[in-house]
Amino acid sequence: MSEKVVLLNSVGKDDRGYYIIHSPSRWSQGVRDLSSWFAYYPWELAYSSSLLKKYTDYKVKLLDPCLNRWDKHQTLQAVLEEEPHWLVIESSTRTINENLWVAKQVKKEINTRLIFVGQHPSVYPEKMLAQGIDYVLYGEYEYTLLELLLRRSPENVPGVYPNPPRPLLDFSQLPWPEDEDIPRIRYGMPGEPSSEYLEIQAYASRGCMGDCKFCVCRNIYYRKKSWRPRDVNDVVEEIKYLKHKYPEMEGIFFDEEAHNTSKDFITQLSRKIIKAGFNNLKYEAMCDIRFLDEQILQAMRTAGYYKIRFGIETADPKCGEKIGKKIDIPRTIRLLRFSKKIGLKTYATFMFGLPGADFNIERKNINLMEFLIKEGLLDNVQISIVTPLPGTPFYYW
């Protein structure tokens, strides 16, 4: 009989009663009010599930307590019902205590082998092992998990602590992410805040050529500047598949780190979307304002993109330099005016409490936001209080 592997996203409700919004690549948070809650698609677990189902004989099941808003007791019950031989848990620092509790209870009840992945285990592997976890996979873990389970031993498997790191994968070689155990469209109901349509989260590239000191992906998962696109034809085929399976789908949210890193990539993808007749769908994307120009914006709008998201973070050049993200504000304003002209909506993020910021600098940020809003240049604004995450240079400032 084949052994069973359960891939488990973080618990969905913490011990204090907060509903968890777990982000694999950014920061996780908790909310009291369900009206503020949504679920990110657990993309790295989902890609891992597809790999294991394609290349192994294991029985594989993806469970998402975040999506189901399970607390640790409900999560434990769901896992025990599956009776896994292997349990893979992705955890951030925000929910590490609850996730460890679940893991230890499962091991106590059915002696399951435990594998921890994600942001917190990647930063504190020795602490995880000291807690009784069998294996810690650090960084980008899809192929590390596949190799570990095929070999059934960590010996000489890159990416299993304390072995050397695994080279970054070729993102174009991954199969499409999991869409069997959990329908992907469920993550659009409700979708990410400010998404205006029933959108499925998808990924046309991985990584970013920026050097932001606060970024989990850049500093923990990838450990260097890295941007790896998929073949644009494959991206369009995935859109075709999703629209066929989910006729109610209205659009795609490209929720990778920097969708627009390459002008040539965006130009080709936009043309392929139009040629395939999918420019009648609504697209939004996480972008980097530093890599945008008028030609890219026009190509995206023509292909059906209705909104772009990007970080401005601070109006102060010195603060921008300290966090590795210096933004040319006059150029940004010019691009925002052009976006408004062609009917492309904009969503910008700002951070308060950055190193070196004082009252005058924060006032400068507020003045910039007020100007952009009054000019009609921003449709959505996200304001974040700085929360340094373990493993990033920002945390050790």
Protein backbone atom coordinates (compact mmCIF):
# COMPACT_ATOMS: atom_id res chain seq x y z
CA MET A 1 0.00 0.00 0.00
CA SER A 2 1.29 3.48 -0.91
CA GLU A 3 2.16 5.78 1.95
CA LYS A 4 0.17 8.97 2.37
CA VAL A 5 1.51 12.51 2.41
CA VAL A 6 -0.57 15.40 3.75
CA LEU A 7 0.48 18.90 2.76
CA LEU A 8 -0.89 21.30 5.37
CA ASN A 9 -1.22 25.05 5.22
CA SER A 10 -1.09 27.02 8.47
CA VAL A 11 -3.87 26.87 11.04
CA GLY A 12 -6.70 29.23 10.16
CA LYS A 13 -7.56 30.54 13.61
CA ASP A 14 -5.03 31.21 16.34
CA ASP A 15 -5.31 30.66 20.10
CA ARG A 16 -6.49 34.25 20.60
CA GLY A 17 -9.40 33.87 18.19
CA TYR A 18 -7.89 35.75 15.25
CA TYR A 19 -8.64 34.44 11.76
CA ILE A 20 -5.35 33.96 9.95
CA ILE A 21 -4.46 35.36 6.55
CA HIS A 22 -1.37 33.29 5.78
CA SER A 23 0.85 34.58 3.02
CA PRO A 24 3.58 32.26 1.73
CA SER A 25 5.66 35.11 0.35
CA ARG A 26 4.82 38.25 2.29
CA TRP A 27 3.55 38.62 5.85
CA SER A 28 0.80 36.75 7.66
CA GLN A 29 -1.74 38.51 9.80
CA GLY A 30 -4.77 37.87 11.97
CA VAL A 31 -8.18 39.59 11.90
CA ARG A 32 -11.07 39.48 14.33
CA ASP A 33 -13.75 40.44 11.85
CA LEU A 34 -14.53 37.91 9.13
CA SER A 35 -15.48 40.75 6.81
CA SER A 36 -11.75 41.58 6.67
CA TRP A 37 -10.70 37.99 6.06
CA PHE A 38 -9.64 36.25 2.85
CA ALA A 39 -7.29 33.41 1.93
CA TYR A 40 -4.15 33.54 -0.19
CA TYR A 41 -3.62 30.56 -2.45
CA PRO A 42 -0.83 28.44 -0.86
CA TRP A 43 1.12 28.38 -4.08
CA GLU A 44 4.30 26.60 -2.98
CA LEU A 45 2.35 23.83 -1.25
CA ALA A 46 0.13 23.59 -4.32
CA TYR A 47 3.07 23.24 -6.69
CA SER A 48 4.54 20.64 -4.35
CA SER A 49 1.31 18.69 -4.44
CA SER A 50 1.34 18.64 -8.23
CA LEU A 51 4.96 17.48 -8.31
CA LEU A 52 4.34 14.65 -5.85
CA LYS A 53 1.23 13.49 -7.66
CA LYS A 54 3.04 13.52 -10.99
CA TYR A 55 6.35 11.90 -10.05
CA THR A 56 5.70 9.64 -7.04
CA ASP A 57 3.41 6.81 -5.97
CA TYR A 58 2.48 8.50 -2.70
CA LYS A 59 -1.14 9.25 -1.94
CA VAL A 60 -1.09 13.02 -1.67
CA LYS A 61 -3.66 15.31 -0.03
CA LEU A 62 -3.57 19.09 0.31
CA LEU A 63 -5.45 20.55 3.29
CA ASP A 64 -5.90 24.26 3.94
CA PRO A 65 -6.97 25.22 7.47
CA CYS A 66 -6.69 28.90 6.51
CA LEU A 67 -9.27 28.56 3.77
CA ASN A 68 -11.55 26.60 6.11
CA ARG A 69 -10.81 28.85 9.11
CA TRP A 70 -9.95 25.84 11.29
CA ASP A 71 -8.38 26.33 14.70
CA LYS A 72 -5.65 23.97 15.87
CA HIS A 73 -8.11 21.40 17.24
CA GLN A 74 -10.12 21.27 13.99
CA THR A 75 -6.87 21.12 12.04
CA LEU A 76 -5.64 18.22 14.14
CA GLN A 77 -8.87 16.31 13.62
CA ALA A 78 -8.72 16.82 9.84
CA VAL A 79 -5.13 15.57 9.70
CA LEU A 80 -5.79 12.53 11.89
CA GLU A 81 -8.69 11.52 9.65
CA GLU A 82 -6.24 11.32 6.75
CA GLU A 83 -3.81 9.11 8.75
CA PRO A 84 -0.70 10.38 6.94
CA HIS A 85 2.69 8.73 7.09
CA TRP A 86 4.26 12.12 6.27
CA LEU A 87 2.98 15.56 7.32
CA VAL A 88 4.34 18.67 5.61
CA ILE A 89 3.44 21.96 7.33
CA GLU A 90 4.13 25.43 5.99
CA SER A 91 4.39 28.00 8.77
CA SER A 92 5.15 31.65 9.28
CA THR A 93 6.33 33.09 12.58
CA ARG A 94 2.80 34.39 13.21
CA THR A 95 1.36 30.89 13.74
CA ILE A 96 4.39 28.77 14.60
CA ASN A 97 3.15 27.85 18.10
CA GLU A 98 -0.21 26.57 16.89
CA ASN A 99 1.36 24.70 13.98
CA LEU A 100 3.92 23.05 16.24
CA TRP A 101 1.13 21.96 18.59
CA VAL A 102 -0.69 20.27 15.71
CA ALA A 103 2.49 18.56 14.51
CA LYS A 104 3.41 17.22 17.95
CA GLN A 105 -0.09 15.89 18.57
CA VAL A 106 -0.12 14.10 15.21
CA LYS A 107 3.26 12.55 15.93
CA LYS A 108 2.07 11.48 19.38
CA GLU A 109 -1.13 9.93 18.04
CA ILE A 110 0.07 8.14 14.88
CA ASN A 111 3.87 8.60 14.79
CA THR A 112 3.81 10.57 11.56
CA ARG A 113 7.09 11.88 10.17
CA LEU A 114 7.10 15.67 10.31
CA ILE A 115 8.46 18.08 7.72
CA PHE A 116 8.33 21.84 8.25
CA VAL A 117 8.73 24.36 5.42
CA GLY A 118 8.21 28.06 4.89
CA GLN A 119 9.40 31.34 6.33
CA HIS A 120 9.87 30.53 10.02
CA PRO A 121 11.42 27.05 9.64
CA SER A 122 13.83 28.40 7.01
CA VAL A 123 15.13 30.96 9.49
CA TYR A 124 15.17 28.80 12.62
CA PRO A 125 15.84 25.23 11.46
CA GLU A 126 17.79 24.18 14.55
CA LYS A 127 15.02 25.36 16.86
CA MET A 128 12.51 23.37 14.80
CA LEU A 129 14.56 20.19 15.00
CA ALA A 130 14.92 20.70 18.75
CA GLN A 131 11.11 20.69 18.95
CA GLY A 132 10.98 17.16 17.54
CA ILE A 133 10.47 17.98 13.86
CA ASP A 134 12.07 15.30 11.69
CA TYR A 135 13.09 17.43 8.71
CA VAL A 136 13.30 21.13 7.92
CA LEU A 137 13.36 22.18 4.26
CA TYR A 138 14.64 25.71 3.87
CA GLY A 139 14.18 28.19 1.05
CA GLU A 140 12.35 27.25 -2.12
CA TYR A 141 11.25 23.74 -1.25
CA GLU A 142 9.21 22.05 -4.01
CA TYR A 143 11.98 19.92 -5.50
CA THR A 144 13.64 19.43 -2.12
CA LEU A 145 10.44 17.81 -0.86
CA LEU A 146 10.13 15.69 -4.00
CA GLU A 147 13.70 14.42 -3.73
CA LEU A 148 13.45 13.75 0.01
CA LEU A 149 10.32 11.66 -0.40
CA LEU A 150 11.69 9.76 -3.39
CA ARG A 151 14.94 8.94 -1.58
CA ARG A 152 13.28 8.56 1.82
CA SER A 153 16.48 9.90 3.31
CA PRO A 154 17.87 13.44 3.73
CA GLU A 155 21.41 12.35 2.87
CA ASN A 156 22.86 14.55 0.12
CA VAL A 157 19.49 16.21 -0.57
CA PRO A 158 20.12 19.94 -1.09
CA GLY A 159 17.77 22.18 0.84
CA VAL A 160 17.26 19.78 3.75
CA TYR A 161 18.88 21.34 6.80
CA PRO A 162 21.84 21.19 7.45
CA ASN A 163 22.71 20.24 3.86
CA PRO A 164 23.82 22.93 1.39
CA PRO A 165 21.09 25.02 -0.26
CA ARG A 166 19.31 23.85 -3.39
CA PRO A 167 19.91 25.89 -6.56
CA LEU A 168 16.87 27.89 -7.59
CA LEU A 169 14.47 25.87 -9.69
CA ASP A 170 13.50 26.47 -13.30
CA PHE A 171 10.02 27.87 -12.75
CA SER A 172 8.97 27.07 -16.31
CA GLN A 173 9.43 23.34 -15.61
CA LEU A 174 6.92 23.12 -12.77
CA PRO A 175 3.54 21.55 -13.49
CA TRP A 176 0.51 23.73 -12.91
CA PRO A 177 -0.39 24.02 -9.24
CA GLU A 178 -2.85 21.85 -7.35
CA ASP A 179 -6.47 22.02 -8.53
CA GLU A 180 -7.86 18.66 -7.38
CA ASP A 181 -8.10 18.59 -3.59
CA ILE A 182 -9.14 22.25 -3.34
CA PRO A 183 -10.75 24.07 -6.28
CA ARG A 184 -8.61 27.10 -7.00
CA ILE A 185 -11.64 29.30 -7.48
CA ARG A 186 -12.48 29.00 -3.79
CA TYR A 187 -9.66 31.45 -3.10
CA GLY A 188 -11.59 34.06 -5.03
CA MET A 189 -14.65 33.82 -2.78
CA PRO A 190 -13.90 36.19 -1.13
CA GLY A 191 -10.85 37.21 -3.07
CA GLU A 192 -7.95 39.43 -2.12
CA PRO A 193 -9.18 42.86 -0.94
CA SER A 194 -9.70 45.38 -3.72
CA SER A 195 -10.04 42.68 -6.36
CA GLU A 196 -13.17 43.70 -8.21
CA TYR A 197 -14.00 40.46 -9.99
CA LEU A 198 -14.11 36.73 -9.33
CA GLU A 199 -10.43 36.14 -9.96
CA ILE A 200 -8.19 33.09 -9.62
CA GLN A 201 -4.67 33.64 -8.31
CA ALA A 202 -2.00 32.56 -10.80
CA TYR A 203 1.74 32.97 -11.30
CA ALA A 204 3.44 33.87 -14.58
CA SER A 205 6.88 34.32 -13.03
CA ARG A 206 8.74 33.91 -9.77
CA GLY A 207 11.12 36.26 -8.02
CA CYS A 208 12.17 39.86 -8.44
CA MET A 209 15.25 41.82 -9.47
CA GLY A 210 14.76 44.24 -6.60
CA ASP A 211 16.72 44.19 -3.37
CA CYS A 212 14.12 45.14 -0.76
CA LYS A 213 15.43 44.54 2.76
CA PHE A 214 11.96 43.64 4.08
CA CYS A 215 11.10 40.99 1.48
CA VAL A 216 10.62 37.38 2.59
CA CYS A 217 11.02 35.90 -0.90
CA ARG A 218 14.15 37.82 -1.86
CA ASN A 219 15.97 37.24 1.43
CA ILE A 220 14.70 33.87 2.71
CA TYR A 221 13.37 31.79 -0.18
CA TYR A 222 15.64 32.86 -3.05
CA ARG A 223 18.60 34.44 -1.19
CA LYS A 224 19.45 36.66 -4.15
CA LYS A 225 17.98 38.75 -6.92
CA SER A 226 16.18 36.36 -9.20
CA TRP A 227 13.37 36.59 -11.74
CA ARG A 228 12.27 33.47 -13.57
CA PRO A 229 9.41 33.66 -16.09
CA ARG A 230 7.28 30.88 -17.48
CA ASP A 231 6.74 30.33 -21.16
CA VAL A 232 3.98 32.74 -22.18
CA ASN A 233 2.23 30.02 -24.20
CA ASP A 234 1.99 27.88 -21.07
CA VAL A 235 0.57 30.79 -19.08
CA VAL A 236 -2.16 31.27 -21.68
CA GLU A 237 -2.89 27.53 -21.71
CA GLU A 238 -3.38 27.66 -17.95
CA ILE A 239 -5.81 30.57 -18.35
CA LYS A 240 -7.67 28.52 -20.96
CA TYR A 241 -7.85 25.52 -18.62
CA LEU A 242 -9.09 27.61 -15.69
CA LYS A 243 -11.78 29.35 -17.74
CA HIS A 244 -12.98 26.01 -19.10
CA LYS A 245 -13.12 24.41 -15.65
CA TYR A 246 -14.61 27.49 -13.99
CA PRO A 247 -16.90 29.29 -16.45
CA GLU A 248 -17.86 31.71 -13.69
CA MET A 249 -14.26 32.94 -13.45
CA GLU A 250 -14.07 36.61 -14.43
CA GLY A 251 -10.35 37.15 -14.34
CA ILE A 252 -6.85 36.33 -13.14
CA PHE A 253 -4.82 37.90 -10.34
CA PHE A 254 -1.12 37.49 -11.13
CA ASP A 255 0.06 37.54 -7.52
CA GLU A 256 3.78 36.94 -8.01
CA GLU A 257 6.47 39.26 -6.69
CA ALA A 258 7.04 41.39 -9.81
CA HIS A 259 4.92 40.45 -12.82
CA ASN A 260 6.41 43.15 -15.05
CA THR A 261 10.16 42.65 -14.54
CA SER A 262 10.76 42.09 -18.26
CA LYS A 263 9.25 44.40 -20.87
CA ASP A 264 9.64 41.74 -23.54
CA PHE A 265 7.85 39.17 -21.36
CA ILE A 266 4.84 41.43 -20.71
CA THR A 267 4.67 42.41 -24.38
CA GLN A 268 4.67 38.77 -25.49
CA LEU A 269 2.19 37.67 -22.83
CA SER A 270 -0.19 40.50 -23.70
CA ARG A 271 -0.08 39.58 -27.38
CA LYS A 272 -0.71 35.91 -26.64
CA ILE A 273 -3.67 36.75 -24.39
CA ILE A 274 -5.21 38.85 -27.16
CA LYS A 275 -4.52 36.23 -29.84
CA ALA A 276 -6.19 33.54 -27.71
CA GLY A 277 -9.26 35.74 -27.24
CA PHE A 278 -8.87 36.04 -23.48
CA ASN A 279 -8.57 39.83 -23.42
CA ASN A 280 -12.25 39.81 -22.46
CA LEU A 281 -11.19 38.64 -18.98
CA LYS A 282 -10.08 41.00 -16.22
CA TYR A 283 -6.45 40.86 -15.08
CA GLU A 284 -4.63 42.47 -12.22
CA ALA A 285 -1.03 42.01 -11.22
CA MET A 286 1.55 42.70 -8.55
CA CYS A 287 4.12 44.89 -10.28
CA ASP A 288 7.24 46.90 -9.59
CA ILE A 289 6.81 50.56 -10.54
CA ARG A 290 10.53 50.80 -11.29
CA PHE A 291 10.16 48.41 -14.25
CA LEU A 292 7.05 49.99 -15.77
CA ASP A 293 6.85 52.38 -18.68
CA GLU A 294 4.10 53.71 -20.94
CA GLN A 295 4.51 50.95 -23.53
CA ILE A 296 4.16 48.20 -20.94
CA LEU A 297 1.12 49.88 -19.40
CA GLN A 298 -0.55 50.23 -22.81
CA ALA A 299 0.17 46.61 -23.72
CA MET A 300 -1.31 45.39 -20.43
CA ARG A 301 -4.41 47.53 -20.77
CA THR A 302 -5.05 46.33 -24.31
CA ALA A 303 -4.79 42.71 -23.12
CA GLY A 304 -7.48 43.20 -20.48
CA TYR A 305 -5.51 44.23 -17.40
CA TYR A 306 -7.71 46.49 -15.30
CA LYS A 307 -5.48 47.11 -12.27
CA ILE A 308 -1.81 47.10 -11.31
CA ARG A 309 -0.46 46.93 -7.74
CA PHE A 310 2.93 48.25 -6.70
CA GLY A 311 4.84 49.58 -3.72
CA ILE A 312 5.85 53.21 -3.33
CA GLU A 313 6.52 52.64 0.40
CA THR A 314 8.04 56.04 1.15
CA ALA A 315 8.30 59.50 -0.36
CA ASP A 316 11.72 60.01 1.22
CA PRO A 317 14.74 59.01 -0.92
CA LYS A 318 16.97 58.26 2.08
CA CYS A 319 14.41 55.95 3.65
CA GLY A 320 13.99 54.30 0.26
CA GLU A 321 17.72 53.69 0.01
CA LYS A 322 17.81 52.12 3.47
CA ILE A 323 15.16 49.55 2.58
CA GLY A 324 16.58 48.90 -0.90
CA LYS A 325 13.64 50.46 -2.70
CA LYS A 326 14.29 53.99 -3.87
CA ILE A 327 11.42 55.23 -6.02
CA ASP A 328 11.60 58.08 -8.54
CA ILE A 329 8.50 60.00 -7.43
CA PRO A 330 8.21 62.40 -10.44
CA ARG A 331 8.49 59.44 -12.83
CA THR A 332 5.92 57.52 -10.79
CA ILE A 333 3.47 60.42 -11.01
CA ARG A 334 3.96 60.55 -14.77
CA LEU A 335 3.19 56.84 -15.09
CA LEU A 336 0.15 57.16 -12.84
CA ARG A 337 -1.20 59.96 -15.04
CA PHE A 338 -0.73 57.78 -18.09
CA SER A 339 -2.47 54.86 -16.37
CA LYS A 340 -5.43 57.07 -15.57
CA LYS A 341 -5.54 58.26 -19.16
CA ILE A 342 -5.83 54.71 -20.55
CA GLY A 343 -8.26 53.52 -17.88
CA LEU A 344 -5.86 51.30 -15.91
CA LYS A 345 -6.55 51.35 -12.18
CA THR A 346 -3.76 51.61 -9.64
CA TYR A 347 -3.15 50.27 -6.14
CA ALA A 348 -0.16 51.56 -4.16
CA THR A 349 1.34 50.54 -0.83
CA PHE A 350 3.03 52.78 1.75
CA MET A 351 4.98 51.88 4.89
CA PHE A 352 5.11 53.87 8.11
CA GLY A 353 7.80 53.48 10.76
CA LEU A 354 10.76 52.86 8.48
CA PRO A 355 14.29 53.20 9.84
CA GLY A 356 15.29 56.85 9.79
CA ALA A 357 11.74 58.11 9.47
CA ASP A 358 10.65 60.95 11.75
CA PHE A 359 7.56 63.13 11.98
CA ASN A 360 8.58 65.28 9.02
CA ILE A 361 9.21 62.27 6.79
CA GLU A 362 5.91 60.64 7.74
CA ARG A 363 4.18 63.94 7.03
CA LYS A 364 5.86 63.91 3.63
CA ASN A 365 4.38 60.46 2.98
CA ILE A 366 0.92 61.65 3.96
CA ASN A 367 1.25 64.70 1.71
CA LEU A 368 2.19 62.48 -1.23
CA MET A 369 -0.75 60.17 -0.63
CA GLU A 370 -3.14 63.11 -0.32
CA PHE A 371 -1.84 64.56 -3.58
CA LEU A 372 -2.12 61.29 -5.50
CA ILE A 373 -5.63 60.64 -4.20
CA LYS A 374 -6.89 64.17 -4.87
CA GLU A 375 -5.47 64.01 -8.38
CA GLY A 376 -7.34 60.76 -8.96
CA LEU A 377 -4.09 58.90 -9.59
CA LEU A 378 -4.67 56.10 -7.08
CA ASP A 379 -7.75 53.93 -6.85
CA ASN A 380 -6.59 51.98 -3.79
CA VAL A 381 -4.07 52.76 -1.05
CA GLN A 382 -2.60 50.25 1.40
CA ILE A 383 -0.93 51.63 4.51
CA SER A 384 1.24 49.26 6.56
CA ILE A 385 2.93 49.73 9.90
CA VAL A 386 6.44 48.33 9.52
CA THR A 387 6.67 44.76 10.85
CA PRO A 388 10.16 43.31 10.31
CA LEU A 389 10.06 39.56 9.69
CA PRO A 390 12.73 37.14 10.98
CA GLY A 391 15.26 36.24 8.33
CA THR A 392 15.16 39.56 6.49
CA PRO A 393 17.91 42.22 6.85
CA PHE A 394 15.12 44.51 8.03
CA TYR A 395 14.63 42.33 11.13
CA TYR A 396 18.24 42.72 12.21
CA TRP A 397 18.47 46.45 11.59
